[in-house]
Amino acid sequence: MWVPAGQARPDRGCTREDLPALGARGRCVETETACSYGEAMRAITVIPGQQGSVTLTDMPEPPDEDGPILVQTQAVGICGTDLEIIGGEYGSAPPGQDRLVIGHETLGRVAEAAPGTGFGAGDLVVGIVRRRDPVPCPACAAGHWDMCMNGQYTERGIKGRHGYASERYRIHPEYLVAVDPALGILGVLLEPTTVVAKAWDHIEKIGRRAAWAPEKVLITGAGPIGLLAALLATQRGYQTYVLDRVTEGRKPEMVRRLGATYVHSEDLGEAAAEADIVIECTGHLQMLLEAGPQHVRYRIICLTGVSAAGAEANVDPGLLNRNMVLQNSVLFGSVNANRHHYELAAKALAQADSGWLGDLITRQVPLDQWTDAYARQPDDIKTILNFPDASP
C-alpha cells in the first residue's frame, strides 16, 4: 500500500516519523504492527496511464528477493521517457500493483552486499534498466536483452518493474555496474551514455562487413544523447559535426569544447552531404532524409530518437531506395543497452574531461523539491534529482 510521503499508513500503524521505532525485523516496536518489508522509504511514483498521478510517496522497503545487494540512491537523471510516463503515454506497474516507481537513469552507493557478489559497501554503482524475458528468447539467453525478440522483457521504472527513483533498491549483481569513484555524481550520466555506446558498437559491427575508413560524423541533436554521441565520436578521432536548432548558448559551446563543429539546422544539407556516419538523436527523421545530396558511399545511419506517429512525410521512397542500395548504405535503429554497453559507457566516461561532463548537468534538484526536476527549463541539458546524502 502506498500513501503520500509523511502521511499515516493505516495498514502498518506507523508514519514516517515513527521510523526510528521500527525493529530490524520490520515490526513497529511502539504499535506491535507487522510491517512486511521494514521501514518506509520515499519514492517518485505514478499510476501508469494516468496523467497527473505522479507524486512522492512512502513505499515499502525493497524485498530481499529483489537481490542480495542493497543500494542507497544518490541521484537519478530525468529524461524524456520519464516525462512521457508521467504524462500517461505508457508504462506499466509490477504485477498486482497500481503504482510504478519511475526512474531509470541512476547512481547509487552500495549499503550492503552479500559475500560473493563482487561488490562491497561504499561502491559507486549504476543499475541496469532492462531484464531478460523469462522464456528466454535466443537474444536474452545470450545476454543481449536489449535485442529481446518476444517483448516479454521488463524494464526498471518503465515496464513491469519498479525503477530507481527511490531512496533504496535491491538488485542482483549481474544487473549492477561499478563506476569509477573519481566520477562522483557524474556517474549518473552512465545510462544515457549506454544508449550511444550501443549505437557506436553496432555502427562499428556493421562497418566491419567490408573495408571501411570513415572520417566524418554527423550528430543531429545537441541534447544529452547527441552530445554524448559526439563525445564518443571525438574519442574515436572522427571529424564531428553536431546539428541543432539553437544559435547560441550552452549547447554550441559544449560542442566546440569537444573540438567538434556546431551546425545550425538551416545548414544541414552541407553537413549531411559529407558524413560517413550519421547518428540521429532527435526523432525528426524527415529533416535528415530530405537534406541535400546523399551520395556518400557506405554511409551508416543510426536512429536513436523516437518519432511521433502520424506525421505527414514528403520523402521520395524511390530516391531513398536508390541512395541506400546503390551506395551500399545502411539505416538502422538502436534502443536500450546490455551489460557490455554499460561497461563500454563506463570506460568512455572515465576517459572524458570531468569539467565537460559536469556542464552537461544543468540542474541538480533536491528530493524535497522533486516537482521542479520534472518541469523542463529552456536551457536544460540534463537535470538530476539528488537524494539525501548524495555525494557532491
Protein backbone atom coordinates (compact mmCIF):
# COMPACT_ATOMS: atom_id res chain seq x y z
CA MET A 1 0.00 0.00 0.00
CA TRP A 2 1.22 3.50 -0.78
CA VAL A 3 0.41 6.85 0.79
CA PRO A 4 1.75 10.35 0.14
CA ALA A 5 5.07 10.74 1.93
CA GLY A 6 4.73 11.52 5.60
CA GLN A 7 1.05 10.58 5.97
CA ALA A 8 -0.17 7.75 8.16
CA ARG A 9 -0.06 4.23 6.79
CA PRO A 10 -3.20 2.58 8.19
CA ASP A 11 -2.05 -0.87 7.11
CA ARG A 12 1.09 -0.52 9.18
CA GLY A 13 0.08 1.60 12.14
CA CYS A 14 3.08 3.93 11.79
CA THR A 15 4.16 7.05 9.92
CA ARG A 16 7.49 8.33 8.62
CA GLU A 17 8.03 9.99 12.00
CA ASP A 18 7.77 6.54 13.61
CA LEU A 19 10.57 5.05 11.54
CA PRO A 20 13.27 5.11 14.25
CA ALA A 21 10.99 2.89 16.34
CA LEU A 22 10.87 0.15 13.70
CA GLY A 23 12.62 -3.02 14.69
CA ALA A 24 15.11 -4.83 12.49
CA ARG A 25 12.57 -7.47 11.51
CA GLY A 26 10.02 -4.99 10.19
CA ARG A 27 7.79 -4.65 13.23
CA CYS A 28 6.79 -1.33 14.77
CA VAL A 29 8.12 -1.50 18.33
CA GLU A 30 5.58 1.01 19.63
CA THR A 31 2.45 -0.38 17.94
CA GLU A 32 3.45 -4.06 17.53
CA THR A 33 2.10 -3.81 13.97
CA ALA A 34 3.77 -6.15 11.49
CA CYS A 35 5.48 -4.33 8.60
CA SER A 36 6.16 -6.67 5.69
CA TYR A 37 9.37 -5.07 4.38
CA GLY A 38 10.57 -2.99 7.30
CA GLU A 39 10.52 0.80 7.32
CA ALA A 40 9.14 3.02 4.58
CA MET A 41 11.20 4.84 2.01
CA ARG A 42 10.34 7.74 -0.26
CA ALA A 43 9.93 7.22 -3.98
CA ILE A 44 8.60 9.04 -7.04
CA THR A 45 5.65 7.01 -8.33
CA VAL A 46 2.89 7.18 -10.92
CA ILE A 47 -0.24 5.26 -11.79
CA PRO A 48 0.75 4.21 -15.34
CA GLY A 49 -1.56 5.60 -17.99
CA GLN A 50 -2.99 8.22 -15.63
CA GLN A 51 -1.77 11.74 -16.32
CA GLY A 52 -1.26 13.85 -13.18
CA SER A 53 -0.75 10.85 -10.87
CA VAL A 54 2.95 11.46 -10.17
CA THR A 55 3.75 12.07 -6.52
CA LEU A 56 6.33 11.50 -3.80
CA THR A 57 5.10 8.53 -1.79
CA ASP A 58 6.11 6.23 1.03
CA MET A 59 6.83 2.78 -0.34
CA PRO A 60 7.81 -0.45 1.43
CA GLU A 61 11.47 -1.32 1.66
CA PRO A 62 12.62 -3.42 -1.32
CA PRO A 63 12.11 -7.13 -0.60
CA ASP A 64 15.06 -9.48 -0.26
CA GLU A 65 14.04 -11.38 -3.39
CA ASP A 66 14.92 -8.29 -5.47
CA GLY A 67 18.59 -9.12 -4.92
CA PRO A 68 21.39 -9.59 -2.37
CA ILE A 69 22.75 -6.06 -2.81
CA LEU A 70 21.12 -3.06 -1.13
CA VAL A 71 21.89 0.26 -2.83
CA GLN A 72 21.36 3.75 -1.41
CA THR A 73 20.29 6.02 -4.26
CA GLN A 74 22.47 9.08 -4.78
CA ALA A 75 20.77 10.62 -7.80
CA VAL A 76 18.51 9.89 -10.76
CA GLY A 77 18.60 11.61 -14.13
CA ILE A 78 15.45 12.96 -15.76
CA CYS A 79 14.81 12.24 -19.43
CA GLY A 80 12.00 12.37 -21.97
CA THR A 81 10.93 8.82 -21.13
CA ASP A 82 10.18 9.86 -17.53
CA LEU A 83 8.12 12.82 -18.71
CA GLU A 84 6.15 10.65 -21.14
CA ILE A 85 5.39 8.11 -18.40
CA ILE A 86 4.31 10.95 -16.11
CA GLY A 87 2.12 12.20 -18.96
CA GLY A 88 0.34 8.84 -19.05
CA GLU A 89 1.60 7.87 -22.51
CA TYR A 90 2.89 4.43 -21.48
CA GLY A 91 4.45 2.45 -18.65
CA SER A 92 3.26 -0.48 -16.56
CA ALA A 93 3.44 -1.28 -12.85
CA PRO A 94 4.72 -4.57 -11.42
CA PRO A 95 2.11 -7.36 -11.45
CA GLY A 96 -0.54 -6.87 -8.79
CA GLN A 97 0.41 -3.25 -8.05
CA ASP A 98 -1.24 0.01 -9.04
CA ARG A 99 1.76 2.32 -8.86
CA LEU A 100 5.15 2.30 -10.58
CA VAL A 101 8.33 3.74 -9.11
CA ILE A 102 9.81 5.62 -12.06
CA GLY A 103 13.44 6.49 -12.82
CA HIS A 104 15.91 4.51 -14.93
CA GLU A 105 18.98 6.78 -15.00
CA THR A 106 20.56 6.16 -11.63
CA LEU A 107 23.63 6.49 -9.47
CA GLY A 108 23.88 4.78 -6.11
CA ARG A 109 26.23 3.61 -3.40
CA VAL A 110 26.21 0.06 -2.06
CA ALA A 111 24.89 -0.07 1.50
CA GLU A 112 25.01 -3.84 1.95
CA ALA A 113 26.25 -6.66 -0.24
CA ALA A 114 26.20 -10.39 0.38
CA PRO A 115 29.55 -12.22 0.19
CA GLY A 116 30.47 -13.43 -3.26
CA THR A 117 28.55 -10.74 -5.16
CA GLY A 118 31.70 -8.88 -6.21
CA PHE A 119 30.50 -5.66 -4.57
CA GLY A 120 31.14 -4.10 -1.20
CA ALA A 121 29.72 -1.36 0.98
CA GLY A 122 30.62 2.08 -0.36
CA ASP A 123 30.99 1.06 -4.02
CA LEU A 124 29.63 3.60 -6.50
CA VAL A 125 27.26 1.78 -8.84
CA VAL A 126 24.65 2.08 -11.58
CA GLY A 127 21.74 -0.31 -12.05
CA ILE A 128 20.97 -1.70 -15.49
CA VAL A 129 17.49 -0.91 -16.80
CA ARG A 130 16.32 -3.94 -18.77
CA ARG A 131 15.81 -7.53 -17.53
CA ARG A 132 15.80 -10.60 -19.74
CA ASP A 133 12.47 -12.18 -20.60
CA PRO A 134 11.52 -15.31 -18.59
CA VAL A 135 11.40 -17.70 -21.57
CA PRO A 136 14.13 -16.65 -22.54
CA CYS A 137 14.33 -15.77 -26.23
CA PRO A 138 17.64 -16.53 -28.04
CA ALA A 139 18.83 -12.91 -27.63
CA CYS A 140 18.04 -12.74 -23.91
CA ALA A 141 19.58 -16.16 -23.33
CA ALA A 142 22.82 -14.82 -24.80
CA GLY A 143 22.77 -11.72 -22.56
CA HIS A 144 21.59 -9.46 -25.39
CA TRP A 145 18.37 -8.50 -23.61
CA ASP A 146 18.40 -5.12 -25.36
CA MET A 147 17.55 -7.10 -28.51
CA CYS A 148 14.70 -9.12 -26.92
CA MET A 149 12.74 -10.96 -29.61
CA ASN A 150 9.45 -11.71 -27.84
CA GLY A 151 8.81 -8.45 -25.98
CA GLN A 152 8.44 -10.13 -22.58
CA TYR A 153 11.37 -8.25 -21.05
CA THR A 154 10.86 -5.89 -18.11
CA GLU A 155 12.49 -2.51 -17.52
CA ARG A 156 13.05 -0.80 -14.20
CA GLY A 157 10.99 2.34 -13.97
CA ILE A 158 9.28 1.71 -17.31
CA LYS A 159 7.76 -1.72 -17.89
CA GLY A 160 6.59 -4.11 -15.20
CA ARG A 161 9.33 -3.41 -12.63
CA HIS A 162 9.92 -0.63 -10.10
CA GLY A 163 12.54 1.93 -11.06
CA TYR A 164 15.36 3.65 -9.25
CA ALA A 165 13.73 6.92 -8.09
CA SER A 166 13.51 5.59 -4.53
CA GLU A 167 15.76 6.07 -1.56
CA ARG A 168 16.93 2.46 -1.73
CA TYR A 169 16.66 -0.54 -4.01
CA ARG A 170 17.84 -4.12 -4.09
CA ILE A 171 19.45 -5.73 -7.11
CA HIS A 172 21.24 -8.84 -8.36
CA PRO A 173 24.93 -8.37 -9.19
CA GLU A 174 24.54 -9.27 -12.89
CA TYR A 175 22.49 -6.09 -13.29
CA LEU A 176 24.85 -3.79 -11.39
CA VAL A 177 27.84 -1.94 -12.87
CA ALA A 178 30.71 -0.39 -10.91
CA VAL A 179 31.52 3.25 -11.61
CA ASP A 180 34.93 4.92 -11.35
CA PRO A 181 34.86 6.62 -7.92
CA ALA A 182 36.61 9.63 -9.46
CA LEU A 183 33.43 10.41 -11.42
CA GLY A 184 31.38 11.04 -8.29
CA ILE A 185 27.95 12.43 -9.13
CA LEU A 186 28.87 12.42 -12.84
CA GLY A 187 28.28 8.68 -12.78
CA VAL A 188 24.58 9.46 -13.16
CA LEU A 189 25.37 10.06 -16.84
CA LEU A 190 26.23 6.40 -17.37
CA GLU A 191 22.80 5.17 -18.50
CA PRO A 192 22.32 7.80 -21.22
CA THR A 193 25.88 7.11 -22.34
CA THR A 194 24.97 3.44 -22.80
CA VAL A 195 22.47 4.46 -25.47
CA VAL A 196 25.22 5.87 -27.68
CA ALA A 197 27.76 3.24 -26.62
CA LYS A 198 25.42 0.65 -28.10
CA ALA A 199 24.86 2.81 -31.19
CA TRP A 200 28.61 3.04 -31.77
CA ASP A 201 29.09 -0.66 -31.05
CA HIS A 202 26.56 -1.61 -33.72
CA ILE A 203 27.81 1.01 -36.20
CA GLU A 204 31.27 -0.48 -35.93
CA LYS A 205 29.97 -4.04 -36.25
CA ILE A 206 28.14 -3.06 -39.45
CA GLY A 207 31.18 -1.19 -40.72
CA ARG A 208 33.35 -4.30 -40.41
CA ARG A 209 31.34 -6.11 -43.09
CA ALA A 210 33.94 -4.77 -45.58
CA ALA A 211 36.97 -2.48 -45.73
CA TRP A 212 35.89 0.76 -44.07
CA ALA A 213 37.61 4.09 -43.42
CA PRO A 214 35.09 6.67 -42.14
CA GLU A 215 36.28 10.21 -41.49
CA LYS A 216 33.25 12.44 -40.83
CA VAL A 217 30.37 12.02 -38.39
CA LEU A 218 27.13 13.99 -38.21
CA ILE A 219 25.12 14.02 -34.98
CA THR A 220 21.62 15.52 -35.18
CA GLY A 221 20.50 16.98 -31.86
CA ALA A 222 22.56 18.62 -29.12
CA GLY A 223 20.62 17.26 -26.17
CA PRO A 224 22.31 14.89 -23.71
CA ILE A 225 22.18 11.90 -26.09
CA GLY A 226 23.51 13.92 -29.04
CA LEU A 227 26.31 15.48 -27.02
CA LEU A 228 27.32 12.11 -25.58
CA ALA A 229 27.28 10.63 -29.10
CA ALA A 230 29.59 13.45 -30.14
CA LEU A 231 31.85 12.76 -27.16
CA LEU A 232 32.29 9.16 -28.28
CA ALA A 233 32.85 10.29 -31.88
CA THR A 234 35.65 12.66 -30.90
CA GLN A 235 37.16 9.99 -28.64
CA ARG A 236 37.44 7.89 -31.81
CA GLY A 237 39.21 10.71 -33.62
CA TYR A 238 36.48 11.47 -36.18
CA GLN A 239 35.78 14.89 -37.63
CA THR A 240 32.48 15.54 -35.90
CA TYR A 241 29.56 17.83 -36.70
CA VAL A 242 26.63 18.38 -34.32
CA LEU A 243 23.42 19.91 -35.60
CA ASP A 244 20.73 21.65 -33.55
CA ARG A 245 18.20 24.48 -33.86
CA VAL A 246 19.64 26.92 -31.31
CA THR A 247 22.14 29.54 -32.44
CA GLU A 248 23.78 30.43 -29.12
CA GLY A 249 24.07 29.34 -25.52
CA ARG A 250 25.44 26.29 -23.77
CA LYS A 251 24.85 23.67 -26.49
CA PRO A 252 27.03 25.24 -29.21
CA GLU A 253 29.73 25.89 -26.64
CA MET A 254 29.64 22.28 -25.41
CA VAL A 255 30.10 21.09 -29.00
CA ARG A 256 33.07 23.40 -29.61
CA ARG A 257 34.75 22.32 -26.37
CA LEU A 258 34.82 18.77 -27.76
CA GLY A 259 36.72 20.01 -30.79
CA ALA A 260 33.63 19.36 -32.92
CA THR A 261 31.80 21.73 -35.27
CA TYR A 262 28.39 23.10 -34.39
CA VAL A 263 25.94 23.32 -37.31
CA HIS A 264 22.62 25.18 -37.33
CA SER A 265 19.68 23.21 -38.71
CA GLU A 266 19.43 25.51 -41.73
CA ASP A 267 22.88 24.30 -42.81
CA LEU A 268 22.07 20.59 -42.52
CA GLY A 269 22.39 19.89 -46.25
CA GLU A 270 26.10 20.63 -46.47
CA ALA A 271 26.96 18.67 -43.32
CA ALA A 272 24.80 15.69 -44.30
CA ALA A 273 26.28 15.52 -47.79
CA GLU A 274 29.74 14.58 -46.49
CA ALA A 275 29.05 12.47 -43.42
CA ASP A 276 30.18 8.84 -43.46
CA ILE A 277 28.29 8.13 -40.24
CA VAL A 278 25.07 9.79 -39.07
CA ILE A 279 23.58 9.36 -35.59
CA GLU A 280 20.07 10.79 -35.39
CA CYS A 281 19.14 11.80 -31.82
CA THR A 282 16.01 13.94 -32.24
CA GLY A 283 13.31 11.75 -33.76
CA HIS A 284 12.87 14.25 -36.62
CA LEU A 285 13.90 11.81 -39.30
CA GLN A 286 12.24 13.55 -42.23
CA MET A 287 14.54 16.56 -41.94
CA LEU A 288 17.54 14.25 -42.23
CA LEU A 289 16.20 12.24 -45.17
CA GLU A 290 15.27 15.36 -47.11
CA ALA A 291 18.63 17.02 -46.61
CA GLY A 292 20.60 17.65 -49.78
CA PRO A 293 22.51 15.16 -51.93
CA GLN A 294 23.02 11.73 -50.42
CA HIS A 295 25.89 10.32 -52.45
CA VAL A 296 28.36 9.22 -49.78
CA ARG A 297 29.19 5.57 -50.32
CA TYR A 298 28.89 3.11 -47.49
CA ARG A 299 27.08 5.57 -45.21
CA ILE A 300 25.75 4.17 -41.94
CA ILE A 301 22.79 5.98 -40.37
CA CYS A 302 21.78 5.07 -36.81
CA LEU A 303 18.44 6.25 -35.41
CA THR A 304 18.30 6.69 -31.63
CA GLY A 305 15.50 9.28 -31.46
CA VAL A 306 11.87 8.13 -31.43
CA SER A 307 9.49 9.90 -33.82
CA ALA A 308 5.87 10.74 -33.10
CA ALA A 309 3.45 8.62 -35.11
CA GLY A 310 1.08 10.09 -37.66
CA ALA A 311 3.25 12.87 -39.08
CA GLU A 312 2.99 13.56 -42.80
CA ALA A 313 6.16 12.86 -44.77
CA ASN A 314 7.44 14.16 -48.09
CA VAL A 315 10.30 11.74 -48.56
CA ASP A 316 10.64 10.19 -52.02
CA PRO A 317 10.82 6.44 -51.31
CA GLY A 318 12.32 5.72 -54.72
CA LEU A 319 15.16 8.17 -54.20
CA LEU A 320 15.74 6.82 -50.70
CA ASN A 321 15.91 3.30 -52.11
CA ARG A 322 18.38 4.30 -54.82
CA ASN A 323 20.63 6.11 -52.37
CA MET A 324 20.65 3.20 -49.90
CA VAL A 325 21.05 0.38 -52.43
CA LEU A 326 23.45 1.93 -54.94
CA GLN A 327 25.70 3.36 -52.22
CA ASN A 328 25.73 0.20 -50.05
CA SER A 329 24.39 2.29 -47.17
CA VAL A 330 22.62 1.16 -44.01
CA LEU A 331 19.79 2.70 -41.99
CA PHE A 332 19.04 1.06 -38.62
CA GLY A 333 17.51 1.78 -35.24
CA SER A 334 19.00 1.32 -31.78
CA VAL A 335 17.40 1.36 -28.34
CA ASN A 336 18.36 0.33 -24.81
CA ALA A 337 21.63 -1.43 -23.91
CA ASN A 338 23.01 -4.61 -22.39
CA ARG A 339 25.75 -5.08 -19.82
CA HIS A 340 28.53 -4.88 -22.40
CA HIS A 341 27.34 -1.41 -23.42
CA TYR A 342 27.24 -0.28 -19.78
CA GLU A 343 30.86 -1.32 -19.45
CA LEU A 344 31.80 0.49 -22.66
CA ALA A 345 29.98 3.60 -21.41
CA ALA A 346 31.77 3.46 -18.06
CA LYS A 347 35.14 3.44 -19.85
CA ALA A 348 34.13 6.35 -22.08
CA LEU A 349 33.08 8.49 -19.11
CA ALA A 350 36.25 7.64 -17.19
CA GLN A 351 38.30 8.93 -20.15
CA ALA A 352 36.25 12.11 -20.65
CA ASP A 353 37.01 15.57 -19.31
CA SER A 354 35.18 15.85 -15.99
CA GLY A 355 34.61 19.57 -16.43
CA TRP A 356 32.83 18.98 -19.72
CA LEU A 357 30.73 16.17 -18.24
CA GLY A 358 29.84 18.38 -15.28
CA ASP A 359 28.49 21.05 -17.59
CA LEU A 360 26.09 18.54 -19.14
CA ILE A 361 24.26 18.61 -15.81
CA THR A 362 22.45 21.93 -15.91
CA ARG A 363 20.35 21.50 -12.77
CA GLN A 364 20.56 19.46 -9.55
CA VAL A 365 17.29 19.39 -7.63
CA PRO A 366 16.91 18.04 -4.06
CA LEU A 367 14.30 15.35 -3.47
CA ASP A 368 12.15 17.65 -1.34
CA GLN A 369 11.72 19.88 -4.41
CA TRP A 370 11.13 16.98 -6.79
CA THR A 371 8.39 18.71 -8.80
CA ASP A 372 10.95 21.23 -10.09
CA ALA A 373 13.07 18.40 -11.52
CA TYR A 374 10.25 17.27 -13.81
CA ALA A 375 9.50 20.78 -15.14
CA ARG A 376 11.72 21.46 -18.14
CA GLN A 377 13.57 24.75 -18.38
CA PRO A 378 14.64 26.36 -21.69
CA ASP A 379 18.38 25.87 -21.23
CA ASP A 380 18.24 22.36 -19.73
CA ILE A 381 20.55 19.68 -20.99
CA LYS A 382 20.42 17.16 -18.14
CA THR A 383 18.54 17.63 -14.87
CA ILE A 384 19.17 15.28 -11.98
CA LEU A 385 17.21 14.64 -8.80
CA ASN A 386 19.50 14.37 -5.77
CA PHE A 387 18.58 12.04 -2.92
CA PRO A 388 19.61 12.66 0.69
CA ASP A 389 23.29 12.06 1.44
CA ALA A 390 24.21 12.22 -2.25
CA SER A 391 27.91 12.63 -2.92
CA PRO A 392 28.94 16.16 -4.00
